Amino acid sequence: MVALPHPAVTAVRVVSVCVAVAFLAGCAGSASRQGMEAPEDYFSMSLPGMEGATPQMSPADPINAHLRNLQTPPPTVVRQALLAQHQRWAGTPYRIGGTTDRGIDCSALVRNVFRDTFDVELPRSTQDQVHEGRPIDRQELQAGDLVFFRPPGRYNHVGIYVGNGYFLHASTSKGVIISSLDNSYWQRYYWQSRRALEPTNLAQLSSRFMP
């Protein structure tokens, strides 16, 4: 007979679990860039120390929600909220001028995510979003910051930093995905980063929309 752990021990173990996730690559503003995007699989990747964590684990779990409100640092709260938005939008095809799950472009995705997650209205275009908030150094990036790129072609590109070197965006070739800033393509065309709101403010706003 296998001895079952005492309920109190099990509860402590559950409360001590910290859910985190990792991420992947692609996108820009012209079709000629599609071949330069490195393939990465968000759902097969894990960060050091995160082995065994699954992207399907819900940040709305009652225990995790309690920990998020009382103990979790603001950047982590923001990251969890952004990952929930990634699951909502993942695979949505890229369409210039698009704003819905039938097709969306990079700046519309950023605007929709900020509106639905934080109740913050950002401008519609990348050209206007690049003037939001204040500029920050790439080394200062925290979840919720905006990252901008100047790839070849007519359009600039924007995404939302989610932490650990990854950002959420609408890729021209793969649709809505999470990509690595360390990807050689994104490193080459990285332009600037901006903080529309401080992580503490974003965390407070996001908690209003999550259990």
C-alpha atoms as a PDB file:
ATOM      1  CA  MET A   1       0.000   0.000   0.000  1.00  0.00           C
ATOM      2  CA  VAL A   2       1.336   3.435  -0.959  1.00  0.00           C
ATOM      3  CA  ALA A   3       1.208   5.991   1.846  1.00  0.00           C
ATOM      4  CA  LEU A   4      -0.546   9.210   0.825  1.00  0.00           C
ATOM      5  CA  PRO A   5       0.974  12.538   1.895  1.00  0.00           C
ATOM      6  CA  HIS A   6      -0.747  14.402   4.711  1.00  0.00           C
ATOM      7  CA  PRO A   7      -3.277  16.993   3.339  1.00  0.00           C
ATOM      8  CA  ALA A   8      -1.380  19.858   4.997  1.00  0.00           C
ATOM      9  CA  VAL A   9       1.838  18.848   3.214  1.00  0.00           C
ATOM     10  CA  THR A  10       0.002  18.653  -0.099  1.00  0.00           C
ATOM     11  CA  ALA A  11      -1.473  22.124   0.439  1.00  0.00           C
ATOM     12  CA  VAL A  12       1.949  23.591   1.133  1.00  0.00           C
ATOM     13  CA  ARG A  13       3.310  22.010  -2.014  1.00  0.00           C
ATOM     14  CA  VAL A  14       0.434  23.372  -4.104  1.00  0.00           C
ATOM     15  CA  VAL A  15       0.814  26.877  -2.704  1.00  0.00           C
ATOM     16  CA  SER A  16       4.562  26.775  -3.363  1.00  0.00           C
ATOM     17  CA  VAL A  17       4.125  26.060  -7.065  1.00  0.00           C
ATOM     18  CA  CYS A  18       5.144  29.007  -9.272  1.00  0.00           C
ATOM     19  CA  VAL A  19       3.699  28.837 -12.761  1.00  0.00           C
ATOM     20  CA  ALA A  20       5.841  30.339 -15.486  1.00  0.00           C
ATOM     21  CA  VAL A  21       6.171  29.789 -19.171  1.00  0.00           C
ATOM     22  CA  ALA A  22       8.528  30.267 -22.115  1.00  0.00           C
ATOM     23  CA  PHE A  23       8.227  31.457 -25.637  1.00  0.00           C
ATOM     24  CA  LEU A  24       9.243  31.723 -29.528  1.00  0.00           C
ATOM     25  CA  ALA A  25       9.650  33.587 -32.999  1.00  0.00           C
ATOM     26  CA  GLY A  26       8.669  35.463 -36.288  1.00  0.00           C
ATOM     27  CA  CYS A  27       6.935  38.660 -37.955  1.00  0.00           C
ATOM     28  CA  ALA A  28       7.455  42.083 -39.514  1.00  0.00           C
ATOM     29  CA  GLY A  29       5.945  44.395 -42.085  1.00  0.00           C
ATOM     30  CA  SER A  30       6.684  42.914 -45.509  1.00  0.00           C
ATOM     31  CA  ALA A  31       6.334  39.519 -47.121  1.00  0.00           C
ATOM     32  CA  SER A  32      10.008  39.512 -48.184  1.00  0.00           C
ATOM     33  CA  ARG A  33      11.029  39.023 -44.556  1.00  0.00           C
ATOM     34  CA  GLN A  34       9.164  35.769 -43.982  1.00  0.00           C
ATOM     35  CA  GLY A  35      12.037  33.495 -44.970  1.00  0.00           C
ATOM     36  CA  MET A  36      14.347  35.146 -42.451  1.00  0.00           C
ATOM     37  CA  GLU A  37      12.257  34.218 -39.421  1.00  0.00           C
ATOM     38  CA  ALA A  38      13.672  31.361 -37.368  1.00  0.00           C
ATOM     39  CA  PRO A  39      11.143  28.625 -36.476  1.00  0.00           C
ATOM     40  CA  GLU A  40      10.546  28.295 -32.747  1.00  0.00           C
ATOM     41  CA  ASP A  41       7.910  26.281 -30.881  1.00  0.00           C
ATOM     42  CA  TYR A  42       6.453  28.022 -27.847  1.00  0.00           C
ATOM     43  CA  PHE A  43       4.626  24.949 -26.640  1.00  0.00           C
ATOM     44  CA  SER A  44       7.723  22.723 -26.607  1.00  0.00           C
ATOM     45  CA  MET A  45      10.064  25.129 -24.854  1.00  0.00           C
ATOM     46  CA  SER A  46      10.755  25.603 -21.147  1.00  0.00           C
ATOM     47  CA  LEU A  47      12.945  27.986 -19.194  1.00  0.00           C
ATOM     48  CA  PRO A  48      15.595  26.886 -16.670  1.00  0.00           C
ATOM     49  CA  GLY A  49      13.815  25.889 -13.500  1.00  0.00           C
ATOM     50  CA  MET A  50      10.462  25.636 -15.255  1.00  0.00           C
ATOM     51  CA  GLU A  51      10.662  21.959 -16.271  1.00  0.00           C
ATOM     52  CA  GLY A  52       7.267  20.350 -15.924  1.00  0.00           C
ATOM     53  CA  ALA A  53       5.315  23.609 -16.209  1.00  0.00           C
ATOM     54  CA  THR A  54       2.705  23.616 -18.965  1.00  0.00           C
ATOM     55  CA  PRO A  55       1.371  26.554 -21.000  1.00  0.00           C
ATOM     56  CA  GLN A  56      -2.121  25.198 -20.395  1.00  0.00           C
ATOM     57  CA  MET A  57      -1.932  25.872 -16.646  1.00  0.00           C
ATOM     58  CA  SER A  58      -4.457  28.606 -15.989  1.00  0.00           C
ATOM     59  CA  PRO A  59      -3.478  31.838 -14.188  1.00  0.00           C
ATOM     60  CA  ALA A  60      -7.111  31.973 -13.099  1.00  0.00           C
ATOM     61  CA  ASP A  61      -6.625  29.038 -10.718  1.00  0.00           C
ATOM     62  CA  PRO A  62      -7.904  30.198  -7.290  1.00  0.00           C
ATOM     63  CA  ILE A  63      -4.678  29.424  -5.441  1.00  0.00           C
ATOM     64  CA  ASN A  64      -2.489  31.119  -8.032  1.00  0.00           C
ATOM     65  CA  ALA A  65      -4.835  34.109  -8.114  1.00  0.00           C
ATOM     66  CA  HIS A  66      -4.484  34.441  -4.350  1.00  0.00           C
ATOM     67  CA  LEU A  67      -0.689  34.257  -4.559  1.00  0.00           C
ATOM     68  CA  ARG A  68      -0.655  36.721  -7.447  1.00  0.00           C
ATOM     69  CA  ASN A  69      -2.585  39.280  -5.430  1.00  0.00           C
ATOM     70  CA  LEU A  70      -0.557  38.877  -2.241  1.00  0.00           C
ATOM     71  CA  GLN A  71       2.964  37.775  -3.149  1.00  0.00           C
ATOM     72  CA  THR A  72       3.718  37.747  -6.880  1.00  0.00           C
ATOM     73  CA  PRO A  73       5.905  40.630  -8.189  1.00  0.00           C
ATOM     74  CA  PRO A  74       4.090  42.995 -10.598  1.00  0.00           C
ATOM     75  CA  PRO A  75       6.129  41.944 -13.686  1.00  0.00           C
ATOM     76  CA  THR A  76       5.070  38.337 -13.115  1.00  0.00           C
ATOM     77  CA  VAL A  77       1.411  39.336 -12.765  1.00  0.00           C
ATOM     78  CA  VAL A  78       1.677  41.240 -16.052  1.00  0.00           C
ATOM     79  CA  ARG A  79       3.415  38.314 -17.757  1.00  0.00           C
ATOM     80  CA  GLN A  80       0.674  35.893 -16.667  1.00  0.00           C
ATOM     81  CA  ALA A  81      -1.972  38.255 -18.036  1.00  0.00           C
ATOM     82  CA  LEU A  82      -0.098  38.586 -21.342  1.00  0.00           C
ATOM     83  CA  LEU A  83       0.317  34.826 -21.652  1.00  0.00           C
ATOM     84  CA  ALA A  84      -3.429  34.464 -21.191  1.00  0.00           C
ATOM     85  CA  GLN A  85      -3.866  36.916 -24.078  1.00  0.00           C
ATOM     86  CA  HIS A  86      -1.393  34.894 -26.140  1.00  0.00           C
ATOM     87  CA  GLN A  87      -3.542  31.796 -25.683  1.00  0.00           C
ATOM     88  CA  ARG A  88      -6.556  33.797 -26.786  1.00  0.00           C
ATOM     89  CA  TRP A  89      -4.906  35.168 -29.949  1.00  0.00           C
ATOM     90  CA  ALA A  90      -2.391  32.405 -30.798  1.00  0.00           C
ATOM     91  CA  GLY A  91      -2.500  31.424 -34.459  1.00  0.00           C
ATOM     92  CA  THR A  92      -4.628  34.374 -35.557  1.00  0.00           C
ATOM     93  CA  PRO A  93      -3.382  35.113 -39.093  1.00  0.00           C
ATOM     94  CA  TYR A  94      -1.568  38.332 -39.927  1.00  0.00           C
ATOM     95  CA  ARG A  95      -3.529  40.786 -42.037  1.00  0.00           C
ATOM     96  CA  ILE A  96      -2.418  44.364 -42.639  1.00  0.00           C
ATOM     97  CA  GLY A  97      -5.178  46.640 -41.368  1.00  0.00           C
ATOM     98  CA  GLY A  98      -6.869  43.739 -39.559  1.00  0.00           C
ATOM     99  CA  THR A  99      -8.158  44.163 -36.009  1.00  0.00           C
ATOM    100  CA  THR A 100     -10.007  40.911 -35.226  1.00  0.00           C
ATOM    101  CA  ASP A 101      -9.388  37.178 -34.792  1.00  0.00           C
ATOM    102  CA  ARG A 102     -10.046  36.805 -38.533  1.00  0.00           C
ATOM    103  CA  GLY A 103      -6.792  38.677 -39.174  1.00  0.00           C
ATOM    104  CA  ILE A 104      -4.752  41.262 -37.286  1.00  0.00           C
ATOM    105  CA  ASP A 105      -1.615  43.363 -37.727  1.00  0.00           C
ATOM    106  CA  CYS A 106       1.061  44.093 -35.140  1.00  0.00           C
ATOM    107  CA  SER A 107      -0.131  47.474 -33.871  1.00  0.00           C
ATOM    108  CA  ALA A 108      -3.761  46.339 -33.679  1.00  0.00           C
ATOM    109  CA  LEU A 109      -2.718  43.335 -31.588  1.00  0.00           C
ATOM    110  CA  VAL A 110      -0.822  45.603 -29.191  1.00  0.00           C
ATOM    111  CA  ARG A 111      -3.775  47.950 -28.954  1.00  0.00           C
ATOM    112  CA  ASN A 112      -6.284  45.125 -28.384  1.00  0.00           C
ATOM    113  CA  VAL A 113      -4.165  43.419 -25.738  1.00  0.00           C
ATOM    114  CA  PHE A 114      -3.650  46.643 -23.780  1.00  0.00           C
ATOM    115  CA  ARG A 115      -7.349  47.480 -23.992  1.00  0.00           C
ATOM    116  CA  ASP A 116      -8.602  44.014 -23.015  1.00  0.00           C
ATOM    117  CA  THR A 117      -5.948  43.256 -20.385  1.00  0.00           C
ATOM    118  CA  PHE A 118      -5.323  46.630 -18.766  1.00  0.00           C
ATOM    119  CA  ASP A 119      -8.235  48.810 -19.963  1.00  0.00           C
ATOM    120  CA  VAL A 120      -5.626  51.148 -21.488  1.00  0.00           C
ATOM    121  CA  GLU A 121      -6.248  52.726 -24.882  1.00  0.00           C
ATOM    122  CA  LEU A 122      -3.164  52.980 -27.097  1.00  0.00           C
ATOM    123  CA  PRO A 123      -3.040  54.618 -30.549  1.00  0.00           C
ATOM    124  CA  ARG A 124      -3.909  52.395 -33.523  1.00  0.00           C
ATOM    125  CA  SER A 125      -0.686  52.741 -35.511  1.00  0.00           C
ATOM    126  CA  THR A 126       2.919  51.816 -34.801  1.00  0.00           C
ATOM    127  CA  GLN A 127       3.865  55.334 -35.867  1.00  0.00           C
ATOM    128  CA  ASP A 128       1.838  56.743 -32.961  1.00  0.00           C
ATOM    129  CA  GLN A 129       2.539  53.972 -30.451  1.00  0.00           C
ATOM    130  CA  VAL A 130       6.253  54.728 -30.638  1.00  0.00           C
ATOM    131  CA  HIS A 131       5.559  58.010 -28.846  1.00  0.00           C
ATOM    132  CA  GLU A 132       3.729  56.409 -25.916  1.00  0.00           C
ATOM    133  CA  GLY A 133       5.193  56.544 -22.410  1.00  0.00           C
ATOM    134  CA  ARG A 134       8.943  56.916 -22.010  1.00  0.00           C
ATOM    135  CA  PRO A 135      11.942  55.325 -23.732  1.00  0.00           C
ATOM    136  CA  ILE A 136      13.853  52.656 -21.830  1.00  0.00           C
ATOM    137  CA  ASP A 137      17.044  50.729 -22.443  1.00  0.00           C
ATOM    138  CA  ARG A 138      16.710  47.181 -23.728  1.00  0.00           C
ATOM    139  CA  GLN A 139      18.403  45.942 -20.550  1.00  0.00           C
ATOM    140  CA  GLU A 140      15.592  47.512 -18.496  1.00  0.00           C
ATOM    141  CA  LEU A 141      12.767  45.666 -20.259  1.00  0.00           C
ATOM    142  CA  GLN A 142       9.964  44.317 -18.081  1.00  0.00           C
ATOM    143  CA  ALA A 143       6.724  42.552 -18.944  1.00  0.00           C
ATOM    144  CA  GLY A 144       4.297  44.974 -20.571  1.00  0.00           C
ATOM    145  CA  ASP A 145       6.913  47.171 -22.247  1.00  0.00           C
ATOM    146  CA  LEU A 146       6.635  47.867 -25.976  1.00  0.00           C
ATOM    147  CA  VAL A 147       9.440  46.772 -28.311  1.00  0.00           C
ATOM    148  CA  PHE A 148       9.866  48.332 -31.762  1.00  0.00           C
ATOM    149  CA  PHE A 149      11.725  47.175 -34.859  1.00  0.00           C
ATOM    150  CA  ARG A 150      12.698  48.686 -38.202  1.00  0.00           C
ATOM    151  CA  PRO A 151      12.846  45.725 -40.600  1.00  0.00           C
ATOM    152  CA  PRO A 152      13.240  46.072 -44.373  1.00  0.00           C
ATOM    153  CA  GLY A 153      10.115  47.165 -46.142  1.00  0.00           C
ATOM    154  CA  ARG A 154       7.464  49.794 -45.765  1.00  0.00           C
ATOM    155  CA  TYR A 155       6.345  49.214 -42.179  1.00  0.00           C
ATOM    156  CA  ASN A 156       7.893  49.327 -38.720  1.00  0.00           C
ATOM    157  CA  HIS A 157       6.965  46.584 -36.274  1.00  0.00           C
ATOM    158  CA  VAL A 158       5.847  46.451 -32.625  1.00  0.00           C
ATOM    159  CA  GLY A 159       5.330  43.788 -29.977  1.00  0.00           C
ATOM    160  CA  ILE A 160       4.814  43.487 -26.218  1.00  0.00           C
ATOM    161  CA  TYR A 161       7.627  42.208 -24.016  1.00  0.00           C
ATOM    162  CA  VAL A 162       6.518  39.288 -21.813  1.00  0.00           C
ATOM    163  CA  GLY A 163       9.761  38.618 -19.927  1.00  0.00           C
ATOM    164  CA  ASN A 164      12.810  36.345 -20.128  1.00  0.00           C
ATOM    165  CA  GLY A 165      13.814  37.766 -23.509  1.00  0.00           C
ATOM    166  CA  TYR A 166      10.530  37.101 -25.333  1.00  0.00           C
ATOM    167  CA  PHE A 167       7.807  39.262 -26.862  1.00  0.00           C
ATOM    168  CA  LEU A 168       4.244  38.788 -28.094  1.00  0.00           C
ATOM    169  CA  HIS A 169       3.449  40.024 -31.609  1.00  0.00           C
ATOM    170  CA  ALA A 170       1.656  39.374 -34.901  1.00  0.00           C
ATOM    171  CA  SER A 171       3.990  37.625 -37.340  1.00  0.00           C
ATOM    172  CA  THR A 172       3.487  38.029 -41.079  1.00  0.00           C
ATOM    173  CA  SER A 173       4.244  34.347 -41.659  1.00  0.00           C
ATOM    174  CA  LYS A 174       2.952  32.618 -38.502  1.00  0.00           C
ATOM    175  CA  GLY A 175       0.260  34.909 -37.150  1.00  0.00           C
ATOM    176  CA  VAL A 176       0.160  35.779 -33.457  1.00  0.00           C
ATOM    177  CA  ILE A 177       3.072  34.130 -31.656  1.00  0.00           C
ATOM    178  CA  ILE A 178       5.770  34.748 -29.037  1.00  0.00           C
ATOM    179  CA  SER A 179       9.319  35.289 -30.306  1.00  0.00           C
ATOM    180  CA  SER A 180      12.797  35.667 -28.865  1.00  0.00           C
ATOM    181  CA  LEU A 181      14.557  39.018 -28.899  1.00  0.00           C
ATOM    182  CA  ASP A 182      17.789  37.022 -29.185  1.00  0.00           C
ATOM    183  CA  ASN A 183      16.751  35.732 -32.601  1.00  0.00           C
ATOM    184  CA  SER A 184      19.350  37.102 -35.042  1.00  0.00           C
ATOM    185  CA  TYR A 185      16.647  38.690 -37.198  1.00  0.00           C
ATOM    186  CA  TRP A 186      15.087  40.646 -34.334  1.00  0.00           C
ATOM    187  CA  GLN A 187      18.477  41.586 -32.932  1.00  0.00           C
ATOM    188  CA  ARG A 188      19.440  43.025 -36.287  1.00  0.00           C
ATOM    189  CA  TYR A 189      16.342  45.190 -36.714  1.00  0.00           C
ATOM    190  CA  TYR A 190      15.680  46.107 -33.076  1.00  0.00           C
ATOM    191  CA  TRP A 191      14.920  49.834 -32.867  1.00  0.00           C
ATOM    192  CA  GLN A 192      13.803  50.902 -29.386  1.00  0.00           C
ATOM    193  CA  SER A 193      11.698  50.056 -26.333  1.00  0.00           C
ATOM    194  CA  ARG A 194       9.142  52.144 -24.476  1.00  0.00           C
ATOM    195  CA  ARG A 195       7.252  51.856 -21.203  1.00  0.00           C
ATOM    196  CA  ALA A 196       3.656  53.001 -21.610  1.00  0.00           C
ATOM    197  CA  LEU A 197       2.892  52.344 -17.921  1.00  0.00           C
ATOM    198  CA  GLU A 198       4.946  51.096 -14.970  1.00  0.00           C
ATOM    199  CA  PRO A 199       4.623  47.335 -14.215  1.00  0.00           C
ATOM    200  CA  THR A 200       3.011  48.098 -10.846  1.00  0.00           C
ATOM    201  CA  ASN A 201       0.246  50.074 -12.563  1.00  0.00           C
ATOM    202  CA  LEU A 202      -0.263  47.395 -15.232  1.00  0.00           C
ATOM    203  CA  ALA A 203      -0.439  44.679 -12.562  1.00  0.00           C
ATOM    204  CA  GLN A 204      -3.083  46.595 -10.634  1.00  0.00           C
ATOM    205  CA  LEU A 205      -5.105  47.161 -13.796  1.00  0.00           C
ATOM    206  CA  SER A 206      -4.849  43.556 -14.975  1.00  0.00           C
ATOM    207  CA  SER A 207      -6.030  42.187 -11.613  1.00  0.00           C
ATOM    208  CA  ARG A 208      -9.405  43.859 -12.221  1.00  0.00           C
ATOM    209  CA  PHE A 209     -10.013  41.544 -15.182  1.00  0.00           C
ATOM    210  CA  MET A 210      -8.782  38.284 -13.657  1.00  0.00           C
ATOM    211  CA  PRO A 211     -10.262  36.167 -10.824  1.00  0.00           C
END
